Amino acid sequence: MPITYRDAGVDIDAGNSLVSRIARLAKSTRIPEVVSDIGGFAGLCNIPAGMKDPILVSGTDGVGTKLKIAFLTGVHDTVGIDLVAMCVNDVIVCGARPLFFLDYFGTGKLSVDVGEAVIKGIAEGCKQAGCALLGGETAELPGMYAEGEYDLAGFAVGVVERAAILDGSRMRAGDSVLGVASTGLHSNGYSLARRVLLDKMGLKMTDPFPGIDGKTVGEVLLTPTRIYARAVTACMSELGADLRAFSHITGGGLPENLPRTFPQGLGARLDLSSYERPAVFRAIQEGGPVEEAELLRTFNCGVGLCVVVAKGSEDKAIRALEGAGERAWVLGEVIEHGSGERVEIRS
């Protein structure tokens, strides 16, 4: 009897079924600049009209071992938001408007329902970011993944006027650093979080999360990464030249991400007593135990985005951020830096 591709583990019909479902989801994210629909060999998108000297900005990322939580809980419709967030948040911090997003979904055996749930989250993330889901790739790879598991990668492209690029060059000693709240772990540090919470503390996905009323471990750990596109737009609109820089706080935390936006000779002094650290980080620190320095270089510790503004414009910036739905506060200040750590942290 002849052997088919399905006999080898690849179901073309299932893949086609998922593509048809994705097309409906992608349509809900369409923006005026999109030229093509899902289904061709490539996605087409215009540069927004009226731009004088447009620069394209790109970013790529994944969700990491947060996917393990999705596998354990059977909840797959939020990790797509994380995928978009981790790419888009990197693109917008230079002042870019996100235009479109593409995803890669790889699995050993395709479940159309799981795939649709994942893409549903991606579409929701694109809507939050204001960009289009322009295309992607679904790959069924027998023998490459454990049963019931998959991997995700994402790719975002944005655009910014050359003259409007935020690169930190306007930053000066004495400027203020604002913190913008994260929604939790976002998508970093899950290998350490799982080691502490699941292995060391023995918590299950359905257990109440320590210190958080009404939330299970699974619910807390699957809280989607915050997408800061509206916040960045609001700051750029309201602050003008008083806006110095943004920093997306991901893996490496505050000590390693803030310096990525700082010119040579400048650093930051941060006061961690300026806000209350969320309970999820306290639980991990106490349950390990995890030393403070290790916690700070692994997790965002409650700060998902930093905004550097001119001294005296803090209130205006915080109003703009709050108007965009964020919680923000003065976290520290820009200082001259000679030697040693570029980010001084005080508790």
C-alpha atoms as a PDB file:
ATOM      1  CA  MET A   1       0.000   0.000   0.000  1.00  0.00           C
ATOM      2  CA  PRO A   2       1.399   3.465  -0.888  1.00  0.00           C
ATOM      3  CA  ILE A   3       2.667   5.610   1.978  1.00  0.00           C
ATOM      4  CA  THR A   4       1.223   9.098   2.344  1.00  0.00           C
ATOM      5  CA  TYR A   5       2.548  12.258   3.977  1.00  0.00           C
ATOM      6  CA  ARG A   6      -0.110  11.755   6.677  1.00  0.00           C
ATOM      7  CA  ASP A   7       1.341   8.287   7.369  1.00  0.00           C
ATOM      8  CA  ALA A   8       4.678  10.035   7.987  1.00  0.00           C
ATOM      9  CA  GLY A   9       3.050  12.370  10.513  1.00  0.00           C
ATOM     10  CA  VAL A  10       2.140  15.468   8.480  1.00  0.00           C
ATOM     11  CA  ASP A  11      -1.549  16.248   7.933  1.00  0.00           C
ATOM     12  CA  ILE A  12      -1.817  18.705   5.027  1.00  0.00           C
ATOM     13  CA  ASP A  13      -5.605  18.920   5.408  1.00  0.00           C
ATOM     14  CA  ALA A  14      -5.264  19.978   9.052  1.00  0.00           C
ATOM     15  CA  GLY A  15      -2.766  22.639   8.029  1.00  0.00           C
ATOM     16  CA  ASN A  16      -5.120  23.979   5.380  1.00  0.00           C
ATOM     17  CA  SER A  17      -7.959  24.049   7.889  1.00  0.00           C
ATOM     18  CA  LEU A  18      -5.839  26.108  10.286  1.00  0.00           C
ATOM     19  CA  VAL A  19      -4.866  28.548   7.514  1.00  0.00           C
ATOM     20  CA  SER A  20      -8.534  29.219   6.803  1.00  0.00           C
ATOM     21  CA  ARG A  21      -9.155  29.968  10.486  1.00  0.00           C
ATOM     22  CA  ILE A  22      -6.054  32.185  10.674  1.00  0.00           C
ATOM     23  CA  ALA A  23      -7.265  34.220   7.701  1.00  0.00           C
ATOM     24  CA  ARG A  24     -10.389  35.218   9.617  1.00  0.00           C
ATOM     25  CA  LEU A  25      -8.342  36.214  12.660  1.00  0.00           C
ATOM     26  CA  ALA A  26      -5.816  38.144  10.587  1.00  0.00           C
ATOM     27  CA  LYS A  27      -8.588  40.113   8.887  1.00  0.00           C
ATOM     28  CA  SER A  28      -9.562  41.582  12.264  1.00  0.00           C
ATOM     29  CA  THR A  29      -6.070  43.130  12.581  1.00  0.00           C
ATOM     30  CA  ARG A  30      -5.958  44.731   9.137  1.00  0.00           C
ATOM     31  CA  ILE A  31      -4.643  48.303   8.915  1.00  0.00           C
ATOM     32  CA  PRO A  32      -4.969  50.674   5.917  1.00  0.00           C
ATOM     33  CA  GLU A  33      -1.373  50.071   4.812  1.00  0.00           C
ATOM     34  CA  VAL A  34      -1.883  46.326   4.227  1.00  0.00           C
ATOM     35  CA  VAL A  35      -1.923  45.387   0.531  1.00  0.00           C
ATOM     36  CA  SER A  36      -2.391  41.608   0.615  1.00  0.00           C
ATOM     37  CA  ASP A  37      -4.458  39.030   2.497  1.00  0.00           C
ATOM     38  CA  ILE A  38      -3.229  35.854   4.216  1.00  0.00           C
ATOM     39  CA  GLY A  39      -2.660  32.991   1.781  1.00  0.00           C
ATOM     40  CA  GLY A  40      -0.069  34.248  -0.677  1.00  0.00           C
ATOM     41  CA  PHE A  41       3.625  33.530  -0.616  1.00  0.00           C
ATOM     42  CA  ALA A  42       4.424  36.798   1.156  1.00  0.00           C
ATOM     43  CA  GLY A  43       2.650  39.658   2.913  1.00  0.00           C
ATOM     44  CA  LEU A  44       2.632  43.126   1.393  1.00  0.00           C
ATOM     45  CA  CYS A  45       2.409  46.383   3.331  1.00  0.00           C
ATOM     46  CA  ASN A  46       2.782  50.036   2.349  1.00  0.00           C
ATOM     47  CA  ILE A  47       4.852  52.630   4.162  1.00  0.00           C
ATOM     48  CA  PRO A  48       2.357  55.050   5.787  1.00  0.00           C
ATOM     49  CA  ALA A  49       1.563  58.044   3.577  1.00  0.00           C
ATOM     50  CA  GLY A  50       3.109  61.411   4.312  1.00  0.00           C
ATOM     51  CA  MET A  51       6.383  60.230   5.807  1.00  0.00           C
ATOM     52  CA  LYS A  52       9.417  62.230   4.632  1.00  0.00           C
ATOM     53  CA  ASP A  53      12.325  59.950   5.554  1.00  0.00           C
ATOM     54  CA  PRO A  54      10.931  56.639   6.844  1.00  0.00           C
ATOM     55  CA  ILE A  55      13.206  54.131   8.546  1.00  0.00           C
ATOM     56  CA  LEU A  56      12.061  50.536   8.975  1.00  0.00           C
ATOM     57  CA  VAL A  57      12.598  48.975  12.412  1.00  0.00           C
ATOM     58  CA  SER A  58      12.517  45.213  13.000  1.00  0.00           C
ATOM     59  CA  GLY A  59      12.557  42.882  15.967  1.00  0.00           C
ATOM     60  CA  THR A  60      12.247  39.169  16.644  1.00  0.00           C
ATOM     61  CA  ASP A  61      11.681  37.127  19.798  1.00  0.00           C
ATOM     62  CA  GLY A  62       9.889  34.148  21.285  1.00  0.00           C
ATOM     63  CA  VAL A  63       7.940  33.259  24.416  1.00  0.00           C
ATOM     64  CA  GLY A  64      10.554  30.985  25.980  1.00  0.00           C
ATOM     65  CA  THR A  65       9.688  28.433  28.638  1.00  0.00           C
ATOM     66  CA  LYS A  66       6.488  30.290  29.520  1.00  0.00           C
ATOM     67  CA  LEU A  67       5.109  27.892  26.917  1.00  0.00           C
ATOM     68  CA  LYS A  68       5.611  25.117  29.474  1.00  0.00           C
ATOM     69  CA  ILE A  69       2.893  26.766  31.576  1.00  0.00           C
ATOM     70  CA  ALA A  70       0.530  26.731  28.609  1.00  0.00           C
ATOM     71  CA  PHE A  71       1.218  23.012  28.154  1.00  0.00           C
ATOM     72  CA  LEU A  72       0.596  22.291  31.842  1.00  0.00           C
ATOM     73  CA  THR A  73      -2.645  24.265  32.014  1.00  0.00           C
ATOM     74  CA  GLY A  74      -4.025  23.557  28.554  1.00  0.00           C
ATOM     75  CA  VAL A  75      -4.566  27.307  28.111  1.00  0.00           C
ATOM     76  CA  HIS A  76      -3.173  28.440  24.761  1.00  0.00           C
ATOM     77  CA  ASP A  77      -4.957  31.702  23.933  1.00  0.00           C
ATOM     78  CA  THR A  78      -2.684  34.093  25.847  1.00  0.00           C
ATOM     79  CA  VAL A  79       0.881  33.126  24.870  1.00  0.00           C
ATOM     80  CA  GLY A  80       0.261  34.681  21.462  1.00  0.00           C
ATOM     81  CA  ILE A  81      -0.158  38.046  23.172  1.00  0.00           C
ATOM     82  CA  ASP A  82       3.221  37.471  24.825  1.00  0.00           C
ATOM     83  CA  LEU A  83       4.777  36.698  21.453  1.00  0.00           C
ATOM     84  CA  VAL A  84       3.590  39.969  19.938  1.00  0.00           C
ATOM     85  CA  ALA A  85       4.496  41.945  23.059  1.00  0.00           C
ATOM     86  CA  MET A  86       8.080  40.731  23.245  1.00  0.00           C
ATOM     87  CA  CYS A  87       8.707  41.763  19.629  1.00  0.00           C
ATOM     88  CA  VAL A  88       6.646  44.943  19.449  1.00  0.00           C
ATOM     89  CA  ASN A  89       7.909  46.376  22.744  1.00  0.00           C
ATOM     90  CA  ASP A  90      11.462  46.160  21.391  1.00  0.00           C
ATOM     91  CA  VAL A  91      10.466  47.937  18.172  1.00  0.00           C
ATOM     92  CA  ILE A  92       8.503  50.819  19.711  1.00  0.00           C
ATOM     93  CA  VAL A  93      11.160  51.977  22.182  1.00  0.00           C
ATOM     94  CA  CYS A  94      13.066  53.737  19.395  1.00  0.00           C
ATOM     95  CA  GLY A  95       9.904  55.706  18.611  1.00  0.00           C
ATOM     96  CA  ALA A  96       8.586  53.466  15.834  1.00  0.00           C
ATOM     97  CA  ARG A  97       4.968  52.753  14.991  1.00  0.00           C
ATOM     98  CA  PRO A  98       4.490  48.961  14.649  1.00  0.00           C
ATOM     99  CA  LEU A  99       3.204  48.121  11.174  1.00  0.00           C
ATOM    100  CA  PHE A 100       2.968  44.361  10.889  1.00  0.00           C
ATOM    101  CA  PHE A 101       3.749  41.065  12.578  1.00  0.00           C
ATOM    102  CA  LEU A 102       4.565  37.561  11.364  1.00  0.00           C
ATOM    103  CA  ASP A 103       4.646  34.369  13.409  1.00  0.00           C
ATOM    104  CA  TYR A 104       6.230  30.943  13.249  1.00  0.00           C
ATOM    105  CA  PHE A 105       4.347  28.046  14.887  1.00  0.00           C
ATOM    106  CA  GLY A 106       6.162  24.717  14.960  1.00  0.00           C
ATOM    107  CA  THR A 107       4.738  21.497  16.420  1.00  0.00           C
ATOM    108  CA  GLY A 108       5.180  17.741  16.182  1.00  0.00           C
ATOM    109  CA  LYS A 109       1.518  16.977  15.477  1.00  0.00           C
ATOM    110  CA  LEU A 110      -0.815  19.796  14.563  1.00  0.00           C
ATOM    111  CA  SER A 111      -3.946  20.294  16.636  1.00  0.00           C
ATOM    112  CA  VAL A 112      -6.086  22.739  14.676  1.00  0.00           C
ATOM    113  CA  ASP A 113      -7.900  23.845  17.842  1.00  0.00           C
ATOM    114  CA  VAL A 114      -4.672  24.537  19.744  1.00  0.00           C
ATOM    115  CA  GLY A 115      -3.188  26.295  16.737  1.00  0.00           C
ATOM    116  CA  GLU A 116      -6.265  28.468  16.396  1.00  0.00           C
ATOM    117  CA  ALA A 117      -6.131  29.370  20.104  1.00  0.00           C
ATOM    118  CA  VAL A 118      -2.500  30.423  19.791  1.00  0.00           C
ATOM    119  CA  ILE A 119      -3.159  32.530  16.693  1.00  0.00           C
ATOM    120  CA  LYS A 120      -6.206  34.056  18.382  1.00  0.00           C
ATOM    121  CA  GLY A 121      -3.828  35.385  21.046  1.00  0.00           C
ATOM    122  CA  ILE A 122      -1.446  36.664  18.380  1.00  0.00           C
ATOM    123  CA  ALA A 123      -4.303  38.513  16.685  1.00  0.00           C
ATOM    124  CA  GLU A 124      -5.334  40.034  20.021  1.00  0.00           C
ATOM    125  CA  GLY A 125      -1.751  41.167  20.615  1.00  0.00           C
ATOM    126  CA  CYS A 126      -1.643  42.749  17.165  1.00  0.00           C
ATOM    127  CA  LYS A 127      -4.861  44.643  17.879  1.00  0.00           C
ATOM    128  CA  GLN A 128      -3.424  45.907  21.170  1.00  0.00           C
ATOM    129  CA  ALA A 129      -0.282  47.023  19.338  1.00  0.00           C
ATOM    130  CA  GLY A 130      -2.174  48.559  16.419  1.00  0.00           C
ATOM    131  CA  CYS A 131      -0.351  46.453  13.832  1.00  0.00           C
ATOM    132  CA  ALA A 132      -1.466  43.897  11.254  1.00  0.00           C
ATOM    133  CA  LEU A 133      -0.984  40.145  11.416  1.00  0.00           C
ATOM    134  CA  LEU A 134       0.447  40.002   7.913  1.00  0.00           C
ATOM    135  CA  GLY A 135       1.424  36.357   7.637  1.00  0.00           C
ATOM    136  CA  GLY A 136       3.272  33.475   9.213  1.00  0.00           C
ATOM    137  CA  GLU A 137       4.303  29.848   8.998  1.00  0.00           C
ATOM    138  CA  THR A 138       2.787  26.733  10.534  1.00  0.00           C
ATOM    139  CA  ALA A 139       5.173  23.777  10.493  1.00  0.00           C
ATOM    140  CA  GLU A 140       4.218  20.216  11.430  1.00  0.00           C
ATOM    141  CA  LEU A 141       7.479  18.465  12.276  1.00  0.00           C
ATOM    142  CA  PRO A 142       7.030  14.860  13.451  1.00  0.00           C
ATOM    143  CA  GLY A 143       9.638  13.796  15.987  1.00  0.00           C
ATOM    144  CA  MET A 144      10.902  17.313  16.677  1.00  0.00           C
ATOM    145  CA  TYR A 145       8.735  18.134  19.701  1.00  0.00           C
ATOM    146  CA  ALA A 146       7.302  16.248  22.671  1.00  0.00           C
ATOM    147  CA  GLU A 147       3.670  15.238  22.319  1.00  0.00           C
ATOM    148  CA  GLY A 148       1.323  18.181  22.844  1.00  0.00           C
ATOM    149  CA  GLU A 149       4.102  20.776  22.701  1.00  0.00           C
ATOM    150  CA  TYR A 150       4.993  23.508  20.215  1.00  0.00           C
ATOM    151  CA  ASP A 151       7.321  26.467  19.815  1.00  0.00           C
ATOM    152  CA  LEU A 152       6.665  30.042  18.762  1.00  0.00           C
ATOM    153  CA  ALA A 153       8.743  32.784  17.213  1.00  0.00           C
ATOM    154  CA  GLY A 154       7.634  36.226  16.120  1.00  0.00           C
ATOM    155  CA  PHE A 155       8.838  38.999  13.851  1.00  0.00           C
ATOM    156  CA  ALA A 156       7.674  42.629  14.025  1.00  0.00           C
ATOM    157  CA  VAL A 157       8.333  45.511  11.650  1.00  0.00           C
ATOM    158  CA  GLY A 158       7.669  49.162  12.400  1.00  0.00           C
ATOM    159  CA  VAL A 159       8.477  52.538  10.894  1.00  0.00           C
ATOM    160  CA  VAL A 160       9.791  55.829  12.259  1.00  0.00           C
ATOM    161  CA  GLU A 161      10.809  59.160  10.767  1.00  0.00           C
ATOM    162  CA  ARG A 162      14.599  59.397  10.818  1.00  0.00           C
ATOM    163  CA  ALA A 163      14.395  62.728  12.684  1.00  0.00           C
ATOM    164  CA  ALA A 164      12.122  61.194  15.353  1.00  0.00           C
ATOM    165  CA  ILE A 165      14.315  58.198  16.258  1.00  0.00           C
ATOM    166  CA  LEU A 166      14.803  57.931  20.012  1.00  0.00           C
ATOM    167  CA  ASP A 167      18.377  56.806  20.637  1.00  0.00           C
ATOM    168  CA  GLY A 168      19.116  58.452  23.989  1.00  0.00           C
ATOM    169  CA  SER A 169      21.324  61.128  22.444  1.00  0.00           C
ATOM    170  CA  ARG A 170      19.263  63.940  24.045  1.00  0.00           C
ATOM    171  CA  MET A 171      19.717  62.468  27.514  1.00  0.00           C
ATOM    172  CA  ARG A 172      21.435  64.575  30.178  1.00  0.00           C
ATOM    173  CA  ALA A 173      22.523  64.054  33.783  1.00  0.00           C
ATOM    174  CA  GLY A 174      19.646  65.150  36.006  1.00  0.00           C
ATOM    175  CA  ASP A 175      16.931  63.751  33.737  1.00  0.00           C
ATOM    176  CA  SER A 176      14.309  61.611  35.440  1.00  0.00           C
ATOM    177  CA  VAL A 177      13.698  57.897  34.970  1.00  0.00           C
ATOM    178  CA  LEU A 178      10.063  56.850  35.211  1.00  0.00           C
ATOM    179  CA  GLY A 179       8.954  53.310  35.856  1.00  0.00           C
ATOM    180  CA  VAL A 180       5.896  51.879  34.101  1.00  0.00           C
ATOM    181  CA  ALA A 181       4.288  48.867  35.740  1.00  0.00           C
ATOM    182  CA  SER A 182       4.568  45.381  34.314  1.00  0.00           C
ATOM    183  CA  THR A 183       1.741  42.860  34.519  1.00  0.00           C
ATOM    184  CA  GLY A 184       3.999  40.281  36.173  1.00  0.00           C
ATOM    185  CA  LEU A 185       6.848  38.152  34.889  1.00  0.00           C
ATOM    186  CA  HIS A 186       6.018  39.027  31.273  1.00  0.00           C
ATOM    187  CA  SER A 187       8.008  36.413  29.289  1.00  0.00           C
ATOM    188  CA  ASN A 188      11.350  36.288  31.046  1.00  0.00           C
ATOM    189  CA  GLY A 189      12.863  34.160  33.762  1.00  0.00           C
ATOM    190  CA  TYR A 190      10.408  31.267  33.576  1.00  0.00           C
ATOM    191  CA  SER A 191      13.101  28.622  33.935  1.00  0.00           C
ATOM    192  CA  LEU A 192      13.991  30.072  37.334  1.00  0.00           C
ATOM    193  CA  ALA A 193      10.346  30.696  38.231  1.00  0.00           C
ATOM    194  CA  ARG A 194       9.406  27.091  37.465  1.00  0.00           C
ATOM    195  CA  ARG A 195      12.429  25.783  39.360  1.00  0.00           C
ATOM    196  CA  VAL A 196      11.356  27.669  42.489  1.00  0.00           C
ATOM    197  CA  LEU A 197       7.557  27.540  42.346  1.00  0.00           C
ATOM    198  CA  LEU A 198       7.002  24.096  40.866  1.00  0.00           C
ATOM    199  CA  ASP A 199      10.102  22.078  41.797  1.00  0.00           C
ATOM    200  CA  LYS A 200      11.198  23.633  45.099  1.00  0.00           C
ATOM    201  CA  MET A 201       7.818  24.735  46.512  1.00  0.00           C
ATOM    202  CA  GLY A 202       5.836  21.905  44.902  1.00  0.00           C
ATOM    203  CA  LEU A 203       3.010  24.145  43.682  1.00  0.00           C
ATOM    204  CA  LYS A 204       0.533  22.900  41.091  1.00  0.00           C
ATOM    205  CA  MET A 205      -1.135  24.979  38.381  1.00  0.00           C
ATOM    206  CA  THR A 206      -4.492  24.884  40.192  1.00  0.00           C
ATOM    207  CA  ASP A 207      -3.089  25.853  43.617  1.00  0.00           C
ATOM    208  CA  PRO A 208      -3.766  29.359  44.979  1.00  0.00           C
ATOM    209  CA  PHE A 209      -0.798  31.605  44.267  1.00  0.00           C
ATOM    210  CA  PRO A 210       0.967  32.646  47.514  1.00  0.00           C
ATOM    211  CA  GLY A 211       0.102  36.251  48.382  1.00  0.00           C
ATOM    212  CA  ILE A 212      -2.379  36.797  45.536  1.00  0.00           C
ATOM    213  CA  ASP A 213      -6.026  36.338  46.458  1.00  0.00           C
ATOM    214  CA  GLY A 214      -8.324  34.682  43.966  1.00  0.00           C
ATOM    215  CA  LYS A 215      -5.614  33.654  41.506  1.00  0.00           C
ATOM    216  CA  THR A 216      -4.184  30.218  40.814  1.00  0.00           C
ATOM    217  CA  VAL A 217      -0.536  29.541  40.044  1.00  0.00           C
ATOM    218  CA  GLY A 218      -1.431  28.902  36.416  1.00  0.00           C
ATOM    219  CA  GLU A 219      -3.403  32.135  36.088  1.00  0.00           C
ATOM    220  CA  VAL A 220      -0.618  34.245  37.581  1.00  0.00           C
ATOM    221  CA  LEU A 221       2.098  32.661  35.457  1.00  0.00           C
ATOM    222  CA  LEU A 222       0.055  33.001  32.254  1.00  0.00           C
ATOM    223  CA  THR A 223      -0.709  36.700  32.750  1.00  0.00           C
ATOM    224  CA  PRO A 224       0.104  38.211  29.332  1.00  0.00           C
ATOM    225  CA  THR A 225       2.997  40.584  28.771  1.00  0.00           C
ATOM    226  CA  ARG A 226       1.919  44.218  28.687  1.00  0.00           C
ATOM    227  CA  ILE A 227       2.064  45.868  25.256  1.00  0.00           C
ATOM    228  CA  TYR A 228       3.220  49.484  25.623  1.00  0.00           C
ATOM    229  CA  ALA A 229       2.438  50.816  22.128  1.00  0.00           C
ATOM    230  CA  ARG A 230      -0.267  53.235  23.309  1.00  0.00           C
ATOM    231  CA  ALA A 231       1.962  54.452  26.139  1.00  0.00           C
ATOM    232  CA  VAL A 232       4.844  55.199  23.788  1.00  0.00           C
ATOM    233  CA  THR A 233       2.559  57.043  21.367  1.00  0.00           C
ATOM    234  CA  ALA A 234       1.098  59.121  24.195  1.00  0.00           C
ATOM    235  CA  CYS A 235       4.514  60.134  25.483  1.00  0.00           C
ATOM    236  CA  MET A 236       5.787  61.061  22.039  1.00  0.00           C
ATOM    237  CA  SER A 237       2.689  63.153  21.396  1.00  0.00           C
ATOM    238  CA  GLU A 238       2.707  65.005  24.724  1.00  0.00           C
ATOM    239  CA  LEU A 239       6.375  65.464  25.594  1.00  0.00           C
ATOM    240  CA  GLY A 240       8.194  66.441  22.420  1.00  0.00           C
ATOM    241  CA  ALA A 241      11.889  67.147  23.069  1.00  0.00           C
ATOM    242  CA  ASP A 242      11.410  66.525  26.812  1.00  0.00           C
ATOM    243  CA  LEU A 243      11.147  62.819  25.986  1.00  0.00           C
ATOM    244  CA  ARG A 244      14.655  61.355  26.051  1.00  0.00           C
ATOM    245  CA  ALA A 245      14.386  57.576  25.746  1.00  0.00           C
ATOM    246  CA  PHE A 246      12.439  54.384  26.412  1.00  0.00           C
ATOM    247  CA  SER A 247      13.816  51.090  27.681  1.00  0.00           C
ATOM    248  CA  HIS A 248      11.959  47.769  27.471  1.00  0.00           C
ATOM    249  CA  ILE A 249      12.796  45.807  30.632  1.00  0.00           C
ATOM    250  CA  THR A 250      13.145  42.176  29.620  1.00  0.00           C
ATOM    251  CA  GLY A 251      15.726  39.470  30.397  1.00  0.00           C
ATOM    252  CA  GLY A 252      18.596  41.120  32.242  1.00  0.00           C
ATOM    253  CA  GLY A 253      16.183  43.304  34.191  1.00  0.00           C
ATOM    254  CA  LEU A 254      16.839  46.923  35.082  1.00  0.00           C
ATOM    255  CA  PRO A 255      20.638  46.586  35.479  1.00  0.00           C
ATOM    256  CA  GLU A 256      21.202  45.322  31.925  1.00  0.00           C
ATOM    257  CA  ASN A 257      18.402  46.912  29.891  1.00  0.00           C
ATOM    258  CA  LEU A 258      18.550  50.551  30.976  1.00  0.00           C
ATOM    259  CA  PRO A 259      22.188  50.986  29.839  1.00  0.00           C
ATOM    260  CA  ARG A 260      21.215  49.929  26.317  1.00  0.00           C
ATOM    261  CA  THR A 261      19.596  53.359  25.844  1.00  0.00           C
ATOM    262  CA  PHE A 262      22.211  55.473  27.679  1.00  0.00           C
ATOM    263  CA  PRO A 263      24.957  57.456  25.934  1.00  0.00           C
ATOM    264  CA  GLN A 264      28.533  56.928  27.017  1.00  0.00           C
ATOM    265  CA  GLY A 265      29.273  58.692  30.294  1.00  0.00           C
ATOM    266  CA  LEU A 266      25.764  58.455  31.718  1.00  0.00           C
ATOM    267  CA  GLY A 267      24.128  55.982  34.074  1.00  0.00           C
ATOM    268  CA  ALA A 268      21.135  55.832  36.399  1.00  0.00           C
ATOM    269  CA  ARG A 269      20.399  55.806  40.100  1.00  0.00           C
ATOM    270  CA  LEU A 270      17.164  53.968  40.906  1.00  0.00           C
ATOM    271  CA  ASP A 271      15.145  53.839  44.128  1.00  0.00           C
ATOM    272  CA  LEU A 272      13.275  50.540  44.424  1.00  0.00           C
ATOM    273  CA  SER A 273      11.384  51.819  47.485  1.00  0.00           C
ATOM    274  CA  SER A 274       9.476  54.112  45.092  1.00  0.00           C
ATOM    275  CA  TYR A 275       6.986  51.331  44.325  1.00  0.00           C
ATOM    276  CA  GLU A 276       5.676  48.088  45.807  1.00  0.00           C
ATOM    277  CA  ARG A 277       7.193  45.001  44.237  1.00  0.00           C
ATOM    278  CA  PRO A 278       4.416  42.653  43.007  1.00  0.00           C
ATOM    279  CA  ALA A 279       3.728  39.501  45.015  1.00  0.00           C
ATOM    280  CA  VAL A 280       4.823  37.105  42.254  1.00  0.00           C
ATOM    281  CA  PHE A 281       8.414  38.322  42.580  1.00  0.00           C
ATOM    282  CA  ARG A 282       8.333  38.227  46.368  1.00  0.00           C
ATOM    283  CA  ALA A 283       7.096  34.625  46.271  1.00  0.00           C
ATOM    284  CA  ILE A 284       9.921  33.567  43.969  1.00  0.00           C
ATOM    285  CA  GLN A 285      12.540  35.402  46.023  1.00  0.00           C
ATOM    286  CA  GLU A 286      11.389  33.905  49.326  1.00  0.00           C
ATOM    287  CA  GLY A 287      10.604  30.458  47.918  1.00  0.00           C
ATOM    288  CA  GLY A 288      14.045  29.929  46.429  1.00  0.00           C
ATOM    289  CA  PRO A 289      15.500  31.686  48.165  1.00  0.00           C
ATOM    290  CA  VAL A 290      16.784  33.892  45.332  1.00  0.00           C
ATOM    291  CA  GLU A 291      19.295  36.628  46.102  1.00  0.00           C
ATOM    292  CA  GLU A 292      18.274  40.200  45.323  1.00  0.00           C
ATOM    293  CA  ALA A 293      20.941  40.729  42.657  1.00  0.00           C
ATOM    294  CA  GLU A 294      19.927  37.516  40.892  1.00  0.00           C
ATOM    295  CA  LEU A 295      16.255  38.495  41.007  1.00  0.00           C
ATOM    296  CA  LEU A 296      16.983  41.922  39.537  1.00  0.00           C
ATOM    297  CA  ARG A 297      19.032  40.582  36.620  1.00  0.00           C
ATOM    298  CA  THR A 298      16.507  37.834  35.804  1.00  0.00           C
ATOM    299  CA  PHE A 299      13.099  39.513  36.097  1.00  0.00           C
ATOM    300  CA  ASN A 300      11.557  42.930  35.478  1.00  0.00           C
ATOM    301  CA  CYS A 301      10.569  43.009  39.194  1.00  0.00           C
ATOM    302  CA  GLY A 302       7.435  45.018  38.422  1.00  0.00           C
ATOM    303  CA  VAL A 303       8.885  47.522  35.920  1.00  0.00           C
ATOM    304  CA  GLY A 304       8.082  46.615  32.331  1.00  0.00           C
ATOM    305  CA  LEU A 305       9.127  49.881  30.706  1.00  0.00           C
ATOM    306  CA  CYS A 306      11.303  52.833  31.681  1.00  0.00           C
ATOM    307  CA  VAL A 307      10.770  56.324  30.281  1.00  0.00           C
ATOM    308  CA  VAL A 308      13.543  58.916  30.560  1.00  0.00           C
ATOM    309  CA  VAL A 309      12.266  62.515  30.541  1.00  0.00           C
ATOM    310  CA  ALA A 310      13.695  65.962  31.150  1.00  0.00           C
ATOM    311  CA  LYS A 311      13.763  67.161  34.740  1.00  0.00           C
ATOM    312  CA  GLY A 312      10.530  69.017  35.474  1.00  0.00           C
ATOM    313  CA  SER A 313       8.373  67.101  32.977  1.00  0.00           C
ATOM    314  CA  GLU A 314       7.674  64.121  35.244  1.00  0.00           C
ATOM    315  CA  ASP A 315       4.071  65.066  36.050  1.00  0.00           C
ATOM    316  CA  LYS A 316       3.227  65.668  32.407  1.00  0.00           C
ATOM    317  CA  ALA A 317       4.745  62.331  31.427  1.00  0.00           C
ATOM    318  CA  ILE A 318       2.916  60.446  34.172  1.00  0.00           C
ATOM    319  CA  ARG A 319      -0.392  62.016  33.116  1.00  0.00           C
ATOM    320  CA  ALA A 320       0.248  60.920  29.518  1.00  0.00           C
ATOM    321  CA  LEU A 321       1.082  57.384  30.654  1.00  0.00           C
ATOM    322  CA  GLU A 322      -1.922  57.157  32.940  1.00  0.00           C
ATOM    323  CA  GLY A 323      -4.108  58.448  30.115  1.00  0.00           C
ATOM    324  CA  ALA A 324      -2.864  55.507  28.055  1.00  0.00           C
ATOM    325  CA  GLY A 325      -3.924  53.104  30.801  1.00  0.00           C
ATOM    326  CA  GLU A 326      -0.561  52.641  32.522  1.00  0.00           C
ATOM    327  CA  ARG A 327       0.613  53.034  36.110  1.00  0.00           C
ATOM    328  CA  ALA A 328       3.789  55.115  36.280  1.00  0.00           C
ATOM    329  CA  TRP A 329       5.978  56.796  38.873  1.00  0.00           C
ATOM    330  CA  VAL A 330       9.389  58.427  39.320  1.00  0.00           C
ATOM    331  CA  LEU A 331      11.852  55.552  39.686  1.00  0.00           C
ATOM    332  CA  GLY A 332      15.161  57.418  39.673  1.00  0.00           C
ATOM    333  CA  GLU A 333      17.433  59.835  37.843  1.00  0.00           C
ATOM    334  CA  VAL A 334      20.141  59.949  35.208  1.00  0.00           C
ATOM    335  CA  ILE A 335      23.625  60.461  36.644  1.00  0.00           C
ATOM    336  CA  GLU A 336      27.122  60.912  35.298  1.00  0.00           C
ATOM    337  CA  HIS A 337      28.929  57.606  35.065  1.00  0.00           C
ATOM    338  CA  GLY A 338      32.629  57.021  35.330  1.00  0.00           C
ATOM    339  CA  SER A 339      33.349  53.445  36.376  1.00  0.00           C
ATOM    340  CA  GLY A 340      31.546  50.571  38.045  1.00  0.00           C
ATOM    341  CA  GLU A 341      27.919  49.617  37.517  1.00  0.00           C
ATOM    342  CA  ARG A 342      26.017  51.923  35.164  1.00  0.00           C
ATOM    343  CA  VAL A 343      22.808  51.386  37.130  1.00  0.00           C
ATOM    344  CA  GLU A 344      22.993  52.071  40.869  1.00  0.00           C
ATOM    345  CA  ILE A 345      20.076  50.458  42.688  1.00  0.00           C
ATOM    346  CA  ARG A 346      18.900  51.428  46.139  1.00  0.00           C
ATOM    347  CA  SER A 347      16.218  49.505  47.981  1.00  0.00           C
END
